[in-house]
Amino acid sequence: MYHPTTRLLTILELLQTHPRMSGQELARRLEVDTRTVRRYILMLQEMGMPVEGSRGPAGGYRLRPGYKLPPLLFTEDEATAVTLGLLSTQWLELHLPAAAVEGALAKVFRVLPLQGRQRLQGLAARMALSPNRHTARPDAALLVRLSEAAQEGRRIVIEYETRVGEASQRKVEPYGIAGWEGHWYLAAYCTKRQAMRLFRVDRIRQVQSLPESFTPPAQFDTAAFVVESLGTVRARWEVRVEFEADLKTVQSKIPAVYGQFTETPRGTLFTTLYDDLETFARFLVSLDLPLTIHEPEALRTTMLTMAERMLAMAHRQ
């Protein structure tokens, strides 16, 4: 069975290549009845597509004269995903030219039907995502180059600035890139240290590709490696919190790299490591989900203390 969306796109393609087509001819090609064709035409017109119909022996359907279909069509959900991605580039701490983002948004809007275009233009005009305002941002072109090397299994030499500002040169085998707490990291095997290492992407000054290839470990999980490497560096507390919500709901509110999720009869168990219980308590409150604290007990005490302070502030006159 064809999906209705496929038939809608097929009607547009047929009308693009034929000056006029009867309802019977469209029904024959789509393997549906003429009543279904009329319903599809109405759906296209409601989406803002300039499909015109006429009655009589010479009647049928056509695209408005002069109208040309764009070479690329998005569903509204697909266009929403692309638009949100483009609008989020600043929030993701990526260095991209503003002209590139605005140009891409304009192209997406141009290929959308009228209603979808108006909705997403309203979203773009009224949504603001503020970055963390770090002084250094990785160049998007650098992310692409590192990702290509990882995809091709090709060794590279990077010029890297250490945390104390010293310059070093490393030959590495890049496995993947992941974001963590406002920074981007390259997970790679360092041939000098003969061990896995993380490199802040904004500290990589130059990249040189080598004619040497490598085979990464099977099923290497870049995100898990970043969490294991950075999430435990300062962590003092192992936290286990059970949410009274299904797994999908919890994962929609908490990024996967933050910890582990396990379905339970009551909902979802979230396990992670953290160093600042008050910050974590504020994070839990912001989720607005009913929960039970399993450990540590200090987290329960922290939340009670915060609640007492909030009550005191609420009653102050």
C-alpha atoms as a PDB file:
ATOM      1  CA  MET A   1       0.000   0.000   0.000  1.00  0.00           C
ATOM      2  CA  TYR A   2       1.232   3.474  -0.863  1.00  0.00           C
ATOM      3  CA  HIS A   3       1.343   6.085   1.872  1.00  0.00           C
ATOM      4  CA  PRO A   4      -1.016   9.038   1.186  1.00  0.00           C
ATOM      5  CA  THR A   5       1.938  11.426   1.265  1.00  0.00           C
ATOM      6  CA  THR A   6       3.546   9.460  -1.569  1.00  0.00           C
ATOM      7  CA  ARG A   7       0.378   9.808  -3.655  1.00  0.00           C
ATOM      8  CA  LEU A   8       0.213  13.553  -2.975  1.00  0.00           C
ATOM      9  CA  LEU A   9       3.756  13.996  -4.214  1.00  0.00           C
ATOM     10  CA  THR A  10       3.004  11.785  -7.207  1.00  0.00           C
ATOM     11  CA  ILE A  11       0.025  14.002  -8.168  1.00  0.00           C
ATOM     12  CA  LEU A  12       2.280  17.059  -8.040  1.00  0.00           C
ATOM     13  CA  GLU A  13       4.903  15.382 -10.210  1.00  0.00           C
ATOM     14  CA  LEU A  14       2.280  14.281 -12.747  1.00  0.00           C
ATOM     15  CA  LEU A  15       0.745  17.737 -12.942  1.00  0.00           C
ATOM     16  CA  GLN A  16       4.212  19.209 -13.325  1.00  0.00           C
ATOM     17  CA  THR A  17       4.835  17.124 -16.448  1.00  0.00           C
ATOM     18  CA  HIS A  18       1.320  17.270 -17.988  1.00  0.00           C
ATOM     19  CA  PRO A  19      -0.548  20.501 -18.876  1.00  0.00           C
ATOM     20  CA  ARG A  20      -3.814  19.008 -17.644  1.00  0.00           C
ATOM     21  CA  MET A  21      -4.961  15.619 -16.366  1.00  0.00           C
ATOM     22  CA  SER A  22      -8.450  14.306 -15.833  1.00  0.00           C
ATOM     23  CA  GLY A  23      -9.584  12.855 -12.548  1.00  0.00           C
ATOM     24  CA  GLN A  24     -10.019   9.471 -14.249  1.00  0.00           C
ATOM     25  CA  GLU A  25      -6.446   9.478 -15.543  1.00  0.00           C
ATOM     26  CA  LEU A  26      -5.035  10.432 -12.146  1.00  0.00           C
ATOM     27  CA  ALA A  27      -7.161   7.723 -10.498  1.00  0.00           C
ATOM     28  CA  ARG A  28      -5.885   5.125 -12.964  1.00  0.00           C
ATOM     29  CA  ARG A  29      -2.246   6.041 -12.378  1.00  0.00           C
ATOM     30  CA  LEU A  30      -2.600   6.178  -8.614  1.00  0.00           C
ATOM     31  CA  GLU A  31      -4.714   3.012  -8.479  1.00  0.00           C
ATOM     32  CA  VAL A  32      -7.517   4.744  -6.545  1.00  0.00           C
ATOM     33  CA  ASP A  33     -11.021   5.952  -7.390  1.00  0.00           C
ATOM     34  CA  THR A  34     -11.901   9.457  -8.593  1.00  0.00           C
ATOM     35  CA  ARG A  35     -13.446  10.341  -5.240  1.00  0.00           C
ATOM     36  CA  THR A  36     -10.094   9.700  -3.558  1.00  0.00           C
ATOM     37  CA  VAL A  37      -8.383  11.841  -6.200  1.00  0.00           C
ATOM     38  CA  ARG A  38     -10.739  14.730  -5.373  1.00  0.00           C
ATOM     39  CA  ARG A  39      -9.890  14.325  -1.686  1.00  0.00           C
ATOM     40  CA  TYR A  40      -6.151  14.411  -2.467  1.00  0.00           C
ATOM     41  CA  ILE A  41      -6.592  17.523  -4.626  1.00  0.00           C
ATOM     42  CA  LEU A  42      -8.426  19.231  -1.770  1.00  0.00           C
ATOM     43  CA  MET A  43      -5.597  18.298   0.622  1.00  0.00           C
ATOM     44  CA  LEU A  44      -3.031  19.804  -1.748  1.00  0.00           C
ATOM     45  CA  GLN A  45      -5.059  22.999  -2.089  1.00  0.00           C
ATOM     46  CA  GLU A  46      -5.375  23.272   1.709  1.00  0.00           C
ATOM     47  CA  MET A  47      -1.579  22.953   1.912  1.00  0.00           C
ATOM     48  CA  GLY A  48      -1.274  25.991  -0.356  1.00  0.00           C
ATOM     49  CA  MET A  49      -0.380  24.197  -3.583  1.00  0.00           C
ATOM     50  CA  PRO A  50      -1.809  26.032  -6.640  1.00  0.00           C
ATOM     51  CA  VAL A  51      -3.751  23.091  -8.085  1.00  0.00           C
ATOM     52  CA  GLU A  52      -6.682  24.250 -10.209  1.00  0.00           C
ATOM     53  CA  GLY A  53      -9.690  22.182 -11.284  1.00  0.00           C
ATOM     54  CA  SER A  54     -12.354  22.613 -13.940  1.00  0.00           C
ATOM     55  CA  ARG A  55     -15.525  20.727 -14.863  1.00  0.00           C
ATOM     56  CA  GLY A  56     -16.873  19.540 -18.203  1.00  0.00           C
ATOM     57  CA  PRO A  57     -15.672  17.218 -20.999  1.00  0.00           C
ATOM     58  CA  ALA A  58     -12.336  19.033 -21.233  1.00  0.00           C
ATOM     59  CA  GLY A  59     -12.070  19.473 -17.482  1.00  0.00           C
ATOM     60  CA  GLY A  60      -9.488  18.131 -15.146  1.00  0.00           C
ATOM     61  CA  TYR A  61      -6.695  19.371 -12.953  1.00  0.00           C
ATOM     62  CA  ARG A  62      -3.609  21.433 -13.582  1.00  0.00           C
ATOM     63  CA  LEU A  63      -0.952  23.401 -11.762  1.00  0.00           C
ATOM     64  CA  ARG A  64      -1.407  27.152 -12.018  1.00  0.00           C
ATOM     65  CA  PRO A  65       0.380  28.356 -15.179  1.00  0.00           C
ATOM     66  CA  GLY A  66       3.923  29.491 -14.487  1.00  0.00           C
ATOM     67  CA  TYR A  67       4.204  27.563 -11.240  1.00  0.00           C
ATOM     68  CA  LYS A  68       7.188  25.237 -10.968  1.00  0.00           C
ATOM     69  CA  LEU A  69       7.685  22.697  -8.249  1.00  0.00           C
ATOM     70  CA  PRO A  70      10.852  23.242  -6.204  1.00  0.00           C
ATOM     71  CA  PRO A  71      13.567  20.600  -6.691  1.00  0.00           C
ATOM     72  CA  LEU A  72      13.222  19.638  -3.018  1.00  0.00           C
ATOM     73  CA  LEU A  73      10.070  19.070  -0.992  1.00  0.00           C
ATOM     74  CA  PHE A  74       9.777  18.741   2.783  1.00  0.00           C
ATOM     75  CA  THR A  75       6.931  17.556   4.911  1.00  0.00           C
ATOM     76  CA  GLU A  76       6.118  20.127   7.591  1.00  0.00           C
ATOM     77  CA  ASP A  77       7.652  17.909  10.291  1.00  0.00           C
ATOM     78  CA  GLU A  78      10.855  17.592   8.249  1.00  0.00           C
ATOM     79  CA  ALA A  79      10.969  21.334   7.631  1.00  0.00           C
ATOM     80  CA  THR A  80      10.401  21.982  11.345  1.00  0.00           C
ATOM     81  CA  ALA A  81      13.343  19.740  12.219  1.00  0.00           C
ATOM     82  CA  VAL A  82      15.604  21.524   9.716  1.00  0.00           C
ATOM     83  CA  THR A  83      14.461  24.970  10.888  1.00  0.00           C
ATOM     84  CA  LEU A  84      15.042  24.169  14.559  1.00  0.00           C
ATOM     85  CA  GLY A  85      18.482  22.798  13.704  1.00  0.00           C
ATOM     86  CA  LEU A  86      19.433  25.976  11.857  1.00  0.00           C
ATOM     87  CA  LEU A  87      18.087  28.235  14.593  1.00  0.00           C
ATOM     88  CA  SER A  88      20.032  26.240  17.199  1.00  0.00           C
ATOM     89  CA  THR A  89      23.491  26.735  15.690  1.00  0.00           C
ATOM     90  CA  GLN A  90      24.280  29.661  17.990  1.00  0.00           C
ATOM     91  CA  TRP A  91      22.967  27.806  21.046  1.00  0.00           C
ATOM     92  CA  LEU A  92      25.128  24.803  20.099  1.00  0.00           C
ATOM     93  CA  GLU A  93      28.227  27.024  20.322  1.00  0.00           C
ATOM     94  CA  LEU A  94      29.104  26.563  16.652  1.00  0.00           C
ATOM     95  CA  HIS A  95      30.847  29.200  14.597  1.00  0.00           C
ATOM     96  CA  LEU A  96      28.811  29.520  11.408  1.00  0.00           C
ATOM     97  CA  PRO A  97      28.451  32.649   9.259  1.00  0.00           C
ATOM     98  CA  ALA A  98      25.116  34.337   9.869  1.00  0.00           C
ATOM     99  CA  ALA A  99      24.649  34.584   6.108  1.00  0.00           C
ATOM    100  CA  ALA A 100      24.876  30.793   5.787  1.00  0.00           C
ATOM    101  CA  VAL A 101      22.169  30.233   8.400  1.00  0.00           C
ATOM    102  CA  GLU A 102      19.865  32.928   7.004  1.00  0.00           C
ATOM    103  CA  GLY A 103      20.372  31.682   3.441  1.00  0.00           C
ATOM    104  CA  ALA A 104      19.555  28.095   4.402  1.00  0.00           C
ATOM    105  CA  LEU A 105      16.418  29.199   6.276  1.00  0.00           C
ATOM    106  CA  ALA A 106      15.276  31.204   3.262  1.00  0.00           C
ATOM    107  CA  LYS A 107      15.656  28.152   1.012  1.00  0.00           C
ATOM    108  CA  VAL A 108      13.697  25.954   3.401  1.00  0.00           C
ATOM    109  CA  PHE A 109      10.881  28.506   3.602  1.00  0.00           C
ATOM    110  CA  ARG A 110      10.806  28.889  -0.166  1.00  0.00           C
ATOM    111  CA  VAL A 111      10.028  25.219  -0.813  1.00  0.00           C
ATOM    112  CA  LEU A 112       7.214  25.043   1.748  1.00  0.00           C
ATOM    113  CA  PRO A 113       3.506  25.454   1.054  1.00  0.00           C
ATOM    114  CA  LEU A 114       2.016  28.728   2.256  1.00  0.00           C
ATOM    115  CA  GLN A 115       0.583  27.552   5.590  1.00  0.00           C
ATOM    116  CA  GLY A 116       3.699  25.691   6.641  1.00  0.00           C
ATOM    117  CA  ARG A 117       5.899  28.587   5.585  1.00  0.00           C
ATOM    118  CA  GLN A 118       3.910  31.077   7.651  1.00  0.00           C
ATOM    119  CA  ARG A 119       4.008  28.853  10.744  1.00  0.00           C
ATOM    120  CA  LEU A 120       7.753  28.297  10.578  1.00  0.00           C
ATOM    121  CA  GLN A 121       8.512  31.925   9.774  1.00  0.00           C
ATOM    122  CA  GLY A 122       6.583  32.797  12.924  1.00  0.00           C
ATOM    123  CA  LEU A 123       8.675  30.295  14.862  1.00  0.00           C
ATOM    124  CA  ALA A 124      11.922  31.762  13.526  1.00  0.00           C
ATOM    125  CA  ALA A 125      10.816  35.315  14.308  1.00  0.00           C
ATOM    126  CA  ARG A 126       9.830  34.570  17.890  1.00  0.00           C
ATOM    127  CA  MET A 127      12.333  31.997  19.105  1.00  0.00           C
ATOM    128  CA  ALA A 128      15.649  33.059  20.660  1.00  0.00           C
ATOM    129  CA  LEU A 129      18.274  30.592  21.882  1.00  0.00           C
ATOM    130  CA  SER A 130      21.079  32.250  23.808  1.00  0.00           C
ATOM    131  CA  PRO A 131      24.515  30.597  23.765  1.00  0.00           C
ATOM    132  CA  ASN A 132      26.674  30.088  26.840  1.00  0.00           C
ATOM    133  CA  ARG A 133      28.893  32.853  25.452  1.00  0.00           C
ATOM    134  CA  HIS A 134      32.138  30.942  25.614  1.00  0.00           C
ATOM    135  CA  THR A 135      35.078  32.920  24.319  1.00  0.00           C
ATOM    136  CA  ALA A 136      36.072  30.178  21.853  1.00  0.00           C
ATOM    137  CA  ARG A 137      33.761  28.351  19.474  1.00  0.00           C
ATOM    138  CA  PRO A 138      34.722  25.524  17.125  1.00  0.00           C
ATOM    139  CA  ASP A 139      34.428  26.210  13.441  1.00  0.00           C
ATOM    140  CA  ALA A 140      31.757  24.090  11.758  1.00  0.00           C
ATOM    141  CA  ALA A 141      34.187  23.324   8.935  1.00  0.00           C
ATOM    142  CA  LEU A 142      36.580  21.833  11.490  1.00  0.00           C
ATOM    143  CA  LEU A 143      33.827  19.582  12.856  1.00  0.00           C
ATOM    144  CA  VAL A 144      33.094  18.382   9.328  1.00  0.00           C
ATOM    145  CA  ARG A 145      36.763  17.652   8.633  1.00  0.00           C
ATOM    146  CA  LEU A 146      37.237  15.701  11.856  1.00  0.00           C
ATOM    147  CA  SER A 147      34.033  13.761  11.220  1.00  0.00           C
ATOM    148  CA  GLU A 148      35.175  12.900   7.694  1.00  0.00           C
ATOM    149  CA  ALA A 149      38.457  11.527   9.023  1.00  0.00           C
ATOM    150  CA  ALA A 150      36.573   9.415  11.550  1.00  0.00           C
ATOM    151  CA  GLN A 151      34.151   8.176   8.885  1.00  0.00           C
ATOM    152  CA  GLU A 152      36.994   7.245   6.514  1.00  0.00           C
ATOM    153  CA  GLY A 153      39.110   5.672   9.264  1.00  0.00           C
ATOM    154  CA  ARG A 154      42.048   7.952   8.453  1.00  0.00           C
ATOM    155  CA  ARG A 155      44.744   9.083  10.889  1.00  0.00           C
ATOM    156  CA  ILE A 156      45.357  12.796  11.316  1.00  0.00           C
ATOM    157  CA  VAL A 157      47.910  15.083  12.930  1.00  0.00           C
ATOM    158  CA  ILE A 158      46.466  17.881  15.025  1.00  0.00           C
ATOM    159  CA  GLU A 159      48.098  20.975  16.446  1.00  0.00           C
ATOM    160  CA  TYR A 160      46.565  21.237  19.899  1.00  0.00           C
ATOM    161  CA  GLU A 161      46.648  23.876  22.600  1.00  0.00           C
ATOM    162  CA  THR A 162      46.627  22.372  26.087  1.00  0.00           C
ATOM    163  CA  ARG A 163      44.656  23.708  29.034  1.00  0.00           C
ATOM    164  CA  VAL A 164      47.671  25.737  30.187  1.00  0.00           C
ATOM    165  CA  GLY A 165      48.192  27.255  26.744  1.00  0.00           C
ATOM    166  CA  GLU A 166      51.081  25.065  25.571  1.00  0.00           C
ATOM    167  CA  ALA A 167      51.184  23.967  21.922  1.00  0.00           C
ATOM    168  CA  SER A 168      51.584  20.290  21.096  1.00  0.00           C
ATOM    169  CA  GLN A 169      51.343  18.083  18.055  1.00  0.00           C
ATOM    170  CA  ARG A 170      49.524  14.754  18.210  1.00  0.00           C
ATOM    171  CA  LYS A 171      48.983  11.941  15.753  1.00  0.00           C
ATOM    172  CA  VAL A 172      45.548  10.529  16.492  1.00  0.00           C
ATOM    173  CA  GLU A 173      42.934   8.102  15.255  1.00  0.00           C
ATOM    174  CA  PRO A 174      39.626  10.007  15.413  1.00  0.00           C
ATOM    175  CA  TYR A 175      36.629   7.936  16.526  1.00  0.00           C
ATOM    176  CA  GLY A 176      33.884  10.545  16.921  1.00  0.00           C
ATOM    177  CA  ILE A 177      32.728  13.925  18.225  1.00  0.00           C
ATOM    178  CA  ALA A 178      30.366  14.678  21.095  1.00  0.00           C
ATOM    179  CA  GLY A 179      29.161  17.733  22.984  1.00  0.00           C
ATOM    180  CA  TRP A 180      29.395  18.037  26.768  1.00  0.00           C
ATOM    181  CA  GLU A 181      28.501  21.010  28.993  1.00  0.00           C
ATOM    182  CA  GLY A 182      28.841  23.607  26.244  1.00  0.00           C
ATOM    183  CA  HIS A 183      31.997  22.252  24.593  1.00  0.00           C
ATOM    184  CA  TRP A 184      32.708  19.917  21.681  1.00  0.00           C
ATOM    185  CA  TYR A 185      35.189  17.071  22.118  1.00  0.00           C
ATOM    186  CA  LEU A 186      37.038  14.771  19.749  1.00  0.00           C
ATOM    187  CA  ALA A 187      37.357  11.205  21.048  1.00  0.00           C
ATOM    188  CA  ALA A 188      40.522   9.751  19.561  1.00  0.00           C
ATOM    189  CA  TYR A 189      43.300   7.240  20.135  1.00  0.00           C
ATOM    190  CA  CYS A 190      46.565   9.121  20.711  1.00  0.00           C
ATOM    191  CA  THR A 191      49.536   7.253  19.250  1.00  0.00           C
ATOM    192  CA  LYS A 192      51.931   9.211  21.485  1.00  0.00           C
ATOM    193  CA  ARG A 193      50.171   8.278  24.727  1.00  0.00           C
ATOM    194  CA  GLN A 194      48.988   4.935  23.317  1.00  0.00           C
ATOM    195  CA  ALA A 195      45.635   5.485  24.951  1.00  0.00           C
ATOM    196  CA  MET A 196      42.226   7.022  24.300  1.00  0.00           C
ATOM    197  CA  ARG A 197      42.048  10.763  24.836  1.00  0.00           C
ATOM    198  CA  LEU A 198      39.573  13.631  24.580  1.00  0.00           C
ATOM    199  CA  PHE A 199      40.543  16.824  22.754  1.00  0.00           C
ATOM    200  CA  ARG A 200      38.554  20.057  23.039  1.00  0.00           C
ATOM    201  CA  VAL A 201      37.693  20.934  19.441  1.00  0.00           C
ATOM    202  CA  ASP A 202      38.037  24.689  20.020  1.00  0.00           C
ATOM    203  CA  ARG A 203      41.692  24.069  21.016  1.00  0.00           C
ATOM    204  CA  ILE A 204      42.553  22.273  17.788  1.00  0.00           C
ATOM    205  CA  ARG A 205      44.424  24.807  15.675  1.00  0.00           C
ATOM    206  CA  GLN A 206      45.250  22.775  12.552  1.00  0.00           C
ATOM    207  CA  VAL A 207      44.465  19.362  11.083  1.00  0.00           C
ATOM    208  CA  GLN A 208      46.599  17.426   8.631  1.00  0.00           C
ATOM    209  CA  SER A 209      45.297  14.239   7.013  1.00  0.00           C
ATOM    210  CA  LEU A 210      47.673  11.311   6.700  1.00  0.00           C
ATOM    211  CA  PRO A 211      47.671   8.457   4.155  1.00  0.00           C
ATOM    212  CA  GLU A 212      47.461   6.022   7.077  1.00  0.00           C
ATOM    213  CA  SER A 213      44.236   4.207   7.860  1.00  0.00           C
ATOM    214  CA  PHE A 214      42.986   2.547  11.034  1.00  0.00           C
ATOM    215  CA  THR A 215      40.126   0.348  12.162  1.00  0.00           C
ATOM    216  CA  PRO A 216      38.187   1.668  15.151  1.00  0.00           C
ATOM    217  CA  PRO A 217      36.911  -0.726  17.828  1.00  0.00           C
ATOM    218  CA  ALA A 218      33.617  -2.341  16.970  1.00  0.00           C
ATOM    219  CA  GLN A 219      30.564  -0.588  18.451  1.00  0.00           C
ATOM    220  CA  PHE A 220      32.592   2.255  19.976  1.00  0.00           C
ATOM    221  CA  ASP A 221      30.189   4.631  21.764  1.00  0.00           C
ATOM    222  CA  THR A 222      31.557   8.182  21.599  1.00  0.00           C
ATOM    223  CA  ALA A 223      28.876   9.676  23.866  1.00  0.00           C
ATOM    224  CA  ALA A 224      29.397   7.000  26.528  1.00  0.00           C
ATOM    225  CA  PHE A 225      33.165   7.558  26.427  1.00  0.00           C
ATOM    226  CA  VAL A 226      32.716  11.310  26.945  1.00  0.00           C
ATOM    227  CA  VAL A 227      30.399  10.721  29.892  1.00  0.00           C
ATOM    228  CA  GLU A 228      32.789   8.205  31.424  1.00  0.00           C
ATOM    229  CA  SER A 229      35.782  10.503  30.926  1.00  0.00           C
ATOM    230  CA  LEU A 230      34.282  13.838  31.945  1.00  0.00           C
ATOM    231  CA  GLY A 231      31.237  12.943  33.996  1.00  0.00           C
ATOM    232  CA  THR A 232      33.293  11.141  36.630  1.00  0.00           C
ATOM    233  CA  VAL A 233      36.164  13.589  36.888  1.00  0.00           C
ATOM    234  CA  ARG A 234      34.466  15.808  39.452  1.00  0.00           C
ATOM    235  CA  ALA A 235      31.571  13.601  40.463  1.00  0.00           C
ATOM    236  CA  ARG A 236      31.205  13.034  44.187  1.00  0.00           C
ATOM    237  CA  TRP A 237      27.739  11.543  44.233  1.00  0.00           C
ATOM    238  CA  GLU A 238      26.097   8.579  42.563  1.00  0.00           C
ATOM    239  CA  VAL A 239      22.482   9.590  42.017  1.00  0.00           C
ATOM    240  CA  ARG A 240      19.540   7.212  41.517  1.00  0.00           C
ATOM    241  CA  VAL A 241      16.170   8.853  40.922  1.00  0.00           C
ATOM    242  CA  GLU A 242      12.984   7.090  39.809  1.00  0.00           C
ATOM    243  CA  PHE A 243      10.515   9.141  37.780  1.00  0.00           C
ATOM    244  CA  GLU A 244       6.831   8.292  37.678  1.00  0.00           C
ATOM    245  CA  ALA A 245       6.825   8.697  33.906  1.00  0.00           C
ATOM    246  CA  ASP A 246       7.482   6.450  30.931  1.00  0.00           C
ATOM    247  CA  LEU A 247      10.907   6.154  29.370  1.00  0.00           C
ATOM    248  CA  LYS A 248      10.042   8.224  26.297  1.00  0.00           C
ATOM    249  CA  THR A 249       8.813  11.141  28.409  1.00  0.00           C
ATOM    250  CA  VAL A 250      11.924  11.155  30.601  1.00  0.00           C
ATOM    251  CA  GLN A 251      14.301  10.912  27.640  1.00  0.00           C
ATOM    252  CA  SER A 252      12.537  13.845  25.986  1.00  0.00           C
ATOM    253  CA  LYS A 253      13.520  15.996  28.987  1.00  0.00           C
ATOM    254  CA  ILE A 254      16.970  14.597  29.850  1.00  0.00           C
ATOM    255  CA  PRO A 255      19.730  14.206  27.201  1.00  0.00           C
ATOM    256  CA  ALA A 256      20.954  10.629  26.776  1.00  0.00           C
ATOM    257  CA  VAL A 257      24.546  11.579  27.626  1.00  0.00           C
ATOM    258  CA  TYR A 258      23.513  12.666  31.141  1.00  0.00           C
ATOM    259  CA  GLY A 259      23.226   9.133  32.495  1.00  0.00           C
ATOM    260  CA  GLN A 260      21.520   5.765  32.224  1.00  0.00           C
ATOM    261  CA  PHE A 261      17.793   5.103  31.886  1.00  0.00           C
ATOM    262  CA  THR A 262      16.044   1.905  32.977  1.00  0.00           C
ATOM    263  CA  GLU A 263      12.349   1.122  32.679  1.00  0.00           C
ATOM    264  CA  THR A 264      10.721   0.051  35.956  1.00  0.00           C
ATOM    265  CA  PRO A 265       7.178  -0.993  36.958  1.00  0.00           C
ATOM    266  CA  ARG A 266       6.659   2.504  38.394  1.00  0.00           C
ATOM    267  CA  GLY A 267       8.239   4.447  35.562  1.00  0.00           C
ATOM    268  CA  THR A 268      11.894   5.148  34.740  1.00  0.00           C
ATOM    269  CA  LEU A 269      15.028   4.874  36.870  1.00  0.00           C
ATOM    270  CA  PHE A 270      17.654   7.505  36.089  1.00  0.00           C
ATOM    271  CA  THR A 271      21.239   6.866  37.253  1.00  0.00           C
ATOM    272  CA  THR A 272      24.052   9.385  36.956  1.00  0.00           C
ATOM    273  CA  LEU A 273      27.097  10.893  38.660  1.00  0.00           C
ATOM    274  CA  TYR A 274      27.194  14.500  39.824  1.00  0.00           C
ATOM    275  CA  ASP A 275      29.326  16.771  41.963  1.00  0.00           C
ATOM    276  CA  ASP A 276      26.929  19.561  43.036  1.00  0.00           C
ATOM    277  CA  LEU A 277      23.719  18.309  44.645  1.00  0.00           C
ATOM    278  CA  GLU A 278      22.040  21.723  44.852  1.00  0.00           C
ATOM    279  CA  THR A 279      22.518  22.309  41.121  1.00  0.00           C
ATOM    280  CA  PHE A 280      21.219  18.815  40.433  1.00  0.00           C
ATOM    281  CA  ALA A 281      18.210  19.386  42.718  1.00  0.00           C
ATOM    282  CA  ARG A 282      17.317  22.546  40.783  1.00  0.00           C
ATOM    283  CA  PHE A 283      17.587  20.537  37.568  1.00  0.00           C
ATOM    284  CA  LEU A 284      15.187  17.901  38.920  1.00  0.00           C
ATOM    285  CA  VAL A 285      12.663  20.551  39.918  1.00  0.00           C
ATOM    286  CA  SER A 286      12.829  22.101  36.446  1.00  0.00           C
ATOM    287  CA  LEU A 287      11.775  18.782  34.873  1.00  0.00           C
ATOM    288  CA  ASP A 288       8.354  19.003  36.558  1.00  0.00           C
ATOM    289  CA  LEU A 289       8.025  15.220  36.876  1.00  0.00           C
ATOM    290  CA  PRO A 290       6.974  13.290  40.005  1.00  0.00           C
ATOM    291  CA  LEU A 291       9.936  11.337  41.347  1.00  0.00           C
ATOM    292  CA  THR A 292      11.379   9.274  44.176  1.00  0.00           C
ATOM    293  CA  ILE A 293      14.956   9.754  45.388  1.00  0.00           C
ATOM    294  CA  HIS A 294      16.660   6.425  46.008  1.00  0.00           C
ATOM    295  CA  GLU A 295      20.134   7.772  46.662  1.00  0.00           C
ATOM    296  CA  PRO A 296      21.974   9.649  47.941  1.00  0.00           C
ATOM    297  CA  GLU A 297      20.083  10.651  51.057  1.00  0.00           C
ATOM    298  CA  ALA A 298      21.966  13.947  50.904  1.00  0.00           C
ATOM    299  CA  LEU A 299      20.004  14.834  47.765  1.00  0.00           C
ATOM    300  CA  ARG A 300      16.736  14.505  49.691  1.00  0.00           C
ATOM    301  CA  THR A 301      18.152  16.750  52.426  1.00  0.00           C
ATOM    302  CA  THR A 302      19.276  19.284  49.826  1.00  0.00           C
ATOM    303  CA  MET A 303      15.815  19.428  48.253  1.00  0.00           C
ATOM    304  CA  LEU A 304      14.154  19.841  51.660  1.00  0.00           C
ATOM    305  CA  THR A 305      16.508  22.691  52.505  1.00  0.00           C
ATOM    306  CA  MET A 306      15.748  24.364  49.172  1.00  0.00           C
ATOM    307  CA  ALA A 307      12.012  23.945  49.783  1.00  0.00           C
ATOM    308  CA  GLU A 308      12.291  25.566  53.207  1.00  0.00           C
ATOM    309  CA  ARG A 309      14.143  28.539  51.719  1.00  0.00           C
ATOM    310  CA  MET A 310      11.512  28.927  49.009  1.00  0.00           C
ATOM    311  CA  LEU A 311       8.689  28.780  51.551  1.00  0.00           C
ATOM    312  CA  ALA A 312      10.405  31.409  53.665  1.00  0.00           C
ATOM    313  CA  MET A 313      10.770  33.688  50.647  1.00  0.00           C
ATOM    314  CA  ALA A 314       7.133  33.128  49.645  1.00  0.00           C
ATOM    315  CA  HIS A 315       5.862  34.132  53.094  1.00  0.00           C
ATOM    316  CA  ARG A 316       8.137  37.133  53.480  1.00  0.00           C
ATOM    317  CA  GLN A 317       6.292  40.450  53.421  1.00  0.00           C
END
